[in-house]
Amino acid sequence: MLDGGRRRRSVATQPPHFDDVLRIFDRAVDELERGLTWSGSGRSADRDKSAISRFIVIVVHLLALAARVASSADSRSRLRAATRSVVRMNARGTARRTPLHLACSADTTDVGRYPVAR
């Protein structure tokens, strides 16, 4: 592949470790909870709803990645528990869309031209 007149080398990459993905997921969920608390304190600007929607999309993408790399029964159990915590938050973005709405949407299942989940 050419990039600015130079040939790019393909680099073999290892898939991420489940624990690393889950750690990032947990931090994203913490930020989402803070955003929901902050926006629920009387601030309901469109900008806040848009930011919350973007965070929900990030959480959905991290769940999809974690599901791909979960290889043991323990990791799948931890992933189910993490998913339940997001569902219990009842997070809603613009147009009151939940994480399930966003996971099913063709608009949010791609990052650039690369499919995250189908």
C-alpha atoms as a PDB file:
ATOM      1  CA  MET A   1       0.000   0.000   0.000  1.00  0.00           C
ATOM      2  CA  LEU A   2       1.391   3.417  -0.882  1.00  0.00           C
ATOM      3  CA  ASP A   3       1.362   6.203   1.652  1.00  0.00           C
ATOM      4  CA  GLY A   4       2.780   9.540   0.587  1.00  0.00           C
ATOM      5  CA  GLY A   5       5.126   7.925  -1.905  1.00  0.00           C
ATOM      6  CA  ARG A   6       6.420   5.415   0.646  1.00  0.00           C
ATOM      7  CA  ARG A   7       5.486   1.799   0.888  1.00  0.00           C
ATOM      8  CA  ARG A   8       3.942   0.905   4.247  1.00  0.00           C
ATOM      9  CA  ARG A   9       4.947  -2.354   5.836  1.00  0.00           C
ATOM     10  CA  SER A  10       2.250  -4.588   7.162  1.00  0.00           C
ATOM     11  CA  VAL A  11       2.745  -5.243  10.852  1.00  0.00           C
ATOM     12  CA  ALA A  12       1.539  -8.439  12.448  1.00  0.00           C
ATOM     13  CA  THR A  13      -0.423  -7.523  15.555  1.00  0.00           C
ATOM     14  CA  GLN A  14      -1.575  -9.572  18.483  1.00  0.00           C
ATOM     15  CA  PRO A  15      -5.197  -9.355  19.583  1.00  0.00           C
ATOM     16  CA  PRO A  16      -5.660  -7.380  22.798  1.00  0.00           C
ATOM     17  CA  HIS A  17      -5.928  -9.230  26.076  1.00  0.00           C
ATOM     18  CA  PHE A  18      -9.411  -9.533  27.530  1.00  0.00           C
ATOM     19  CA  ASP A  19      -8.350  -8.025  30.880  1.00  0.00           C
ATOM     20  CA  ASP A  20      -6.947  -4.948  29.131  1.00  0.00           C
ATOM     21  CA  VAL A  21     -10.138  -4.412  27.135  1.00  0.00           C
ATOM     22  CA  LEU A  22     -12.300  -4.890  30.219  1.00  0.00           C
ATOM     23  CA  ARG A  23     -10.173  -2.396  32.184  1.00  0.00           C
ATOM     24  CA  ILE A  24     -10.660   0.235  29.456  1.00  0.00           C
ATOM     25  CA  PHE A  25     -14.355  -0.655  29.290  1.00  0.00           C
ATOM     26  CA  ASP A  26     -14.710  -0.121  33.060  1.00  0.00           C
ATOM     27  CA  ARG A  27     -13.132   3.318  32.795  1.00  0.00           C
ATOM     28  CA  ALA A  28     -15.400   4.255  29.894  1.00  0.00           C
ATOM     29  CA  VAL A  29     -18.441   3.162  31.920  1.00  0.00           C
ATOM     30  CA  ASP A  30     -17.230   5.269  34.863  1.00  0.00           C
ATOM     31  CA  GLU A  31     -16.977   8.294  32.562  1.00  0.00           C
ATOM     32  CA  LEU A  32     -20.422   7.559  31.146  1.00  0.00           C
ATOM     33  CA  GLU A  33     -21.879   7.413  34.679  1.00  0.00           C
ATOM     34  CA  ARG A  34     -20.240  10.739  35.528  1.00  0.00           C
ATOM     35  CA  GLY A  35     -21.602  12.258  32.337  1.00  0.00           C
ATOM     36  CA  LEU A  36     -25.110  11.014  33.084  1.00  0.00           C
ATOM     37  CA  THR A  37     -24.912  12.367  36.642  1.00  0.00           C
ATOM     38  CA  TRP A  38     -23.568  15.697  35.447  1.00  0.00           C
ATOM     39  CA  SER A  39     -26.146  16.075  32.674  1.00  0.00           C
ATOM     40  CA  GLY A  40     -28.915  15.037  35.075  1.00  0.00           C
ATOM     41  CA  SER A  41     -28.072  17.918  37.393  1.00  0.00           C
ATOM     42  CA  GLY A  42     -30.166  20.368  35.420  1.00  0.00           C
ATOM     43  CA  ARG A  43     -27.951  20.596  32.349  1.00  0.00           C
ATOM     44  CA  SER A  44     -29.596  19.084  29.315  1.00  0.00           C
ATOM     45  CA  ALA A  45     -27.882  20.822  26.419  1.00  0.00           C
ATOM     46  CA  ASP A  46     -27.772  19.112  23.045  1.00  0.00           C
ATOM     47  CA  ARG A  47     -23.987  19.090  23.294  1.00  0.00           C
ATOM     48  CA  ASP A  48     -24.201  17.007  26.487  1.00  0.00           C
ATOM     49  CA  LYS A  49     -26.603  14.527  24.880  1.00  0.00           C
ATOM     50  CA  SER A  50     -24.315  14.232  21.873  1.00  0.00           C
ATOM     51  CA  ALA A  51     -21.295  13.544  24.105  1.00  0.00           C
ATOM     52  CA  ILE A  52     -23.253  10.900  26.012  1.00  0.00           C
ATOM     53  CA  SER A  53     -24.268   9.276  22.717  1.00  0.00           C
ATOM     54  CA  ARG A  54     -20.623   9.142  21.644  1.00  0.00           C
ATOM     55  CA  PHE A  55     -19.665   7.544  24.961  1.00  0.00           C
ATOM     56  CA  ILE A  56     -22.420   4.961  24.577  1.00  0.00           C
ATOM     57  CA  VAL A  57     -21.053   4.113  21.111  1.00  0.00           C
ATOM     58  CA  ILE A  58     -17.551   3.719  22.587  1.00  0.00           C
ATOM     59  CA  VAL A  59     -18.925   1.413  25.291  1.00  0.00           C
ATOM     60  CA  VAL A  60     -20.741  -0.682  22.668  1.00  0.00           C
ATOM     61  CA  HIS A  61     -17.551  -0.952  20.577  1.00  0.00           C
ATOM     62  CA  LEU A  62     -15.560  -2.018  23.639  1.00  0.00           C
ATOM     63  CA  LEU A  63     -18.197  -4.657  24.442  1.00  0.00           C
ATOM     64  CA  ALA A  64     -17.930  -5.988  20.883  1.00  0.00           C
ATOM     65  CA  LEU A  65     -14.142  -6.142  21.152  1.00  0.00           C
ATOM     66  CA  ALA A  66     -14.293  -7.818  24.568  1.00  0.00           C
ATOM     67  CA  ALA A  67     -16.726 -10.401  23.206  1.00  0.00           C
ATOM     68  CA  ARG A  68     -14.284 -11.222  20.401  1.00  0.00           C
ATOM     69  CA  VAL A  69     -11.352 -11.800  22.735  1.00  0.00           C
ATOM     70  CA  ALA A  70     -13.223 -13.499  25.604  1.00  0.00           C
ATOM     71  CA  SER A  71     -11.903 -17.036  25.390  1.00  0.00           C
ATOM     72  CA  SER A  72     -12.669 -18.617  28.762  1.00  0.00           C
ATOM     73  CA  ALA A  73     -15.860 -19.220  30.700  1.00  0.00           C
ATOM     74  CA  ASP A  74     -14.593 -16.822  33.383  1.00  0.00           C
ATOM     75  CA  SER A  75     -14.022 -14.002  30.886  1.00  0.00           C
ATOM     76  CA  ARG A  76     -17.459 -14.526  29.318  1.00  0.00           C
ATOM     77  CA  SER A  77     -19.039 -14.422  32.784  1.00  0.00           C
ATOM     78  CA  ARG A  78     -17.215 -11.179  33.592  1.00  0.00           C
ATOM     79  CA  LEU A  79     -18.339  -9.749  30.255  1.00  0.00           C
ATOM     80  CA  ARG A  80     -21.985 -10.595  31.013  1.00  0.00           C
ATOM     81  CA  ALA A  81     -21.691  -8.878  34.402  1.00  0.00           C
ATOM     82  CA  ALA A  82     -20.152  -5.796  32.764  1.00  0.00           C
ATOM     83  CA  THR A  83     -22.910  -5.740  30.150  1.00  0.00           C
ATOM     84  CA  ARG A  84     -25.582  -5.953  32.861  1.00  0.00           C
ATOM     85  CA  SER A  85     -24.037  -2.957  34.620  1.00  0.00           C
ATOM     86  CA  VAL A  86     -24.415  -0.883  31.451  1.00  0.00           C
ATOM     87  CA  VAL A  87     -27.996  -2.027  30.913  1.00  0.00           C
ATOM     88  CA  ARG A  88     -28.884  -1.141  34.530  1.00  0.00           C
ATOM     89  CA  MET A  89     -27.601   2.406  33.992  1.00  0.00           C
ATOM     90  CA  ASN A  90     -30.385   2.935  31.449  1.00  0.00           C
ATOM     91  CA  ALA A  91     -28.121   5.306  29.526  1.00  0.00           C
ATOM     92  CA  ARG A  92     -29.827   7.088  26.664  1.00  0.00           C
ATOM     93  CA  GLY A  93     -28.260   9.318  24.088  1.00  0.00           C
ATOM     94  CA  THR A  94     -29.771  11.540  21.431  1.00  0.00           C
ATOM     95  CA  ALA A  95     -33.245  10.484  20.321  1.00  0.00           C
ATOM     96  CA  ARG A  96     -33.371   8.418  23.566  1.00  0.00           C
ATOM     97  CA  ARG A  97     -31.356   5.624  21.954  1.00  0.00           C
ATOM     98  CA  THR A  98     -30.039   2.930  24.299  1.00  0.00           C
ATOM     99  CA  PRO A  99     -26.838   0.885  23.866  1.00  0.00           C
ATOM    100  CA  LEU A 100     -28.939  -1.846  22.241  1.00  0.00           C
ATOM    101  CA  HIS A 101     -30.320   0.633  19.695  1.00  0.00           C
ATOM    102  CA  LEU A 102     -26.792   1.765  18.888  1.00  0.00           C
ATOM    103  CA  ALA A 103     -25.448  -1.797  18.677  1.00  0.00           C
ATOM    104  CA  CYS A 104     -28.110  -2.609  16.089  1.00  0.00           C
ATOM    105  CA  SER A 105     -27.621   0.586  14.081  1.00  0.00           C
ATOM    106  CA  ALA A 106     -25.647   0.435  10.839  1.00  0.00           C
ATOM    107  CA  ASP A 107     -24.447   4.001  11.560  1.00  0.00           C
ATOM    108  CA  THR A 108     -22.548   3.027  14.700  1.00  0.00           C
ATOM    109  CA  THR A 109     -21.234  -0.451  13.928  1.00  0.00           C
ATOM    110  CA  ASP A 110     -18.399   0.866  11.745  1.00  0.00           C
ATOM    111  CA  VAL A 111     -15.343   2.854  12.716  1.00  0.00           C
ATOM    112  CA  GLY A 112     -14.345   4.641   9.572  1.00  0.00           C
ATOM    113  CA  ARG A 113     -14.518   1.963   6.935  1.00  0.00           C
ATOM    114  CA  TYR A 114     -13.809  -0.915   9.303  1.00  0.00           C
ATOM    115  CA  PRO A 115     -16.692  -2.952  10.717  1.00  0.00           C
ATOM    116  CA  VAL A 116     -16.640  -3.289  14.503  1.00  0.00           C
ATOM    117  CA  ALA A 117     -19.612  -5.579  14.893  1.00  0.00           C
ATOM    118  CA  ARG A 118     -22.252  -6.958  12.617  1.00  0.00           C
END
